[in-house]
Amino acid sequence: MRPFLKFFLVGLAGLVLLIPVGLGLITIGLPVMAALVVLTIPVVVVFAIVGIPVFLTAALAVVILSIVFGVLGLVLGIGYVVVKLLLMVVLPIAIVGWLITLFVDSRKQDRMP
């Protein structure tokens, strides 16, 4: 029971000391915050005037670059598929056809007297 009573009394003493400090900070802090808000209004206006076109330009640049890289990726992907089909399908068929042609030509030369 004694530690609980000590904790309660220390907490109560802390509140007794901190409440006046908080009231003093509120009394000083609110006018300072109001002055800072009034001083930041021109800065916010300038950022709005200058920043919105800059932001729109940057967003447009990002959109254009994404379209360019998307189309480039599409073209490179199609080229990759074409080369892969060429190497995996057309090339073996062409090699087999060439070997058959060589075999047939050599048989024709053997028959000619």
Protein backbone atom coordinates (compact mmCIF):
# COMPACT_ATOMS: atom_id res chain seq x y z
CA MET A 1 0.00 0.00 0.00
CA ARG A 2 2.89 2.30 0.75
CA PRO A 3 4.33 2.28 -2.86
CA PHE A 4 0.87 3.01 -4.26
CA LEU A 5 0.39 5.94 -1.85
CA LYS A 6 3.86 7.27 -2.76
CA PHE A 7 3.06 6.98 -6.50
CA PHE A 8 -0.27 8.77 -6.00
CA LEU A 9 1.24 11.62 -3.97
CA VAL A 10 4.13 12.14 -6.40
CA GLY A 11 1.67 12.21 -9.31
CA LEU A 12 -0.52 14.69 -7.47
CA ALA A 13 2.48 16.92 -6.71
CA GLY A 14 3.52 16.73 -10.37
CA LEU A 15 0.07 17.86 -11.45
CA VAL A 16 0.12 20.69 -8.95
CA LEU A 17 3.41 21.90 -10.43
CA LEU A 18 2.65 21.22 -14.11
CA ILE A 19 -0.79 22.81 -14.37
CA PRO A 20 0.51 26.36 -13.71
CA VAL A 21 3.42 25.75 -16.08
CA GLY A 22 0.94 24.63 -18.75
CA LEU A 23 -1.23 27.68 -18.21
CA GLY A 24 1.81 29.92 -18.55
CA LEU A 25 2.85 28.22 -21.77
CA ILE A 26 -0.65 28.59 -23.17
CA THR A 27 -0.69 32.27 -22.22
CA ILE A 28 2.63 32.88 -23.96
CA GLY A 29 2.25 30.33 -26.76
CA LEU A 30 -1.09 31.34 -28.22
CA PRO A 31 -0.07 34.91 -29.18
CA VAL A 32 3.22 33.61 -30.58
CA MET A 33 1.36 31.01 -32.67
CA ALA A 34 -1.09 33.66 -33.89
CA ALA A 35 1.81 35.91 -34.95
CA LEU A 36 3.49 33.03 -36.77
CA VAL A 37 0.27 32.18 -38.59
CA VAL A 38 -0.11 35.79 -39.71
CA LEU A 39 3.53 35.83 -40.88
CA THR A 40 3.15 32.60 -42.85
CA ILE A 41 0.13 33.75 -44.88
CA PRO A 42 2.25 35.56 -47.54
CA VAL A 43 4.60 32.58 -47.77
CA VAL A 44 1.66 30.22 -48.32
CA VAL A 45 0.23 32.55 -50.97
CA VAL A 46 3.57 32.65 -52.82
CA PHE A 47 3.89 28.87 -52.59
CA ALA A 48 0.36 28.52 -53.94
CA ILE A 49 1.03 30.88 -56.85
CA VAL A 50 4.44 29.48 -57.74
CA GLY A 51 4.04 25.95 -56.48
CA ILE A 52 0.87 24.93 -58.26
CA PRO A 53 2.25 25.49 -61.80
CA VAL A 54 5.52 23.83 -60.81
CA PHE A 55 3.61 20.89 -59.35
CA LEU A 56 1.42 20.59 -62.44
CA THR A 57 4.48 20.75 -64.70
CA ALA A 58 6.23 18.06 -62.65
CA ALA A 59 3.12 15.88 -62.68
CA LEU A 60 2.80 16.31 -66.45
CA ALA A 61 6.47 15.41 -66.90
CA VAL A 62 5.99 12.27 -64.80
CA VAL A 63 2.94 11.27 -66.86
CA ILE A 64 4.76 11.84 -70.16
CA LEU A 65 7.82 9.90 -68.99
CA SER A 66 5.67 7.04 -67.77
CA ILE A 67 3.90 6.88 -71.13
CA VAL A 68 7.21 6.93 -73.00
CA PHE A 69 8.74 4.21 -70.84
CA GLY A 70 5.52 2.18 -71.02
CA VAL A 71 5.55 2.24 -74.82
CA LEU A 72 9.29 1.53 -74.84
CA GLY A 73 8.73 -1.44 -72.53
CA LEU A 74 5.94 -2.68 -74.78
CA VAL A 75 8.14 -2.46 -77.88
CA LEU A 76 11.07 -4.14 -76.15
CA GLY A 77 8.79 -6.86 -74.79
CA ILE A 78 7.38 -7.57 -78.25
CA GLY A 79 10.91 -7.59 -79.68
CA TYR A 80 11.98 -10.05 -76.99
CA VAL A 81 9.08 -12.35 -77.83
CA VAL A 82 9.86 -12.16 -81.56
CA VAL A 83 13.54 -12.99 -81.00
CA LYS A 84 12.64 -15.82 -78.63
CA LEU A 85 10.19 -17.28 -81.16
CA LEU A 86 12.84 -16.92 -83.85
CA LEU A 87 15.43 -18.76 -81.80
CA MET A 88 13.15 -21.43 -80.35
CA VAL A 89 10.81 -22.19 -83.28
CA VAL A 90 11.95 -20.80 -86.62
CA LEU A 91 15.67 -21.50 -86.28
CA PRO A 92 15.34 -25.23 -85.51
CA ILE A 93 12.83 -25.63 -88.36
CA ALA A 94 15.19 -23.78 -90.71
CA ILE A 95 18.14 -25.95 -89.63
CA VAL A 96 16.13 -29.15 -90.17
CA GLY A 97 15.01 -27.88 -93.58
CA TRP A 98 18.58 -27.02 -94.51
CA LEU A 99 19.80 -30.47 -93.44
CA ILE A 100 17.03 -32.14 -95.46
CA THR A 101 17.98 -30.02 -98.48
CA LEU A 102 21.63 -31.03 -98.11
CA PHE A 103 20.67 -34.67 -97.80
CA VAL A 104 18.36 -34.55 -100.86
CA ASP A 105 20.98 -32.67 -102.94
CA SER A 106 23.68 -35.17 -102.02
CA ARG A 107 21.37 -38.02 -103.04
CA LYS A 108 20.70 -36.33 -106.42
CA GLN A 109 24.44 -35.93 -107.02
CA ASP A 110 25.01 -39.60 -106.23
CA ARG A 111 22.43 -40.67 -108.84
CA MET A 112 23.86 -38.51 -111.65
CA PRO A 113 26.40 -40.37 -113.77
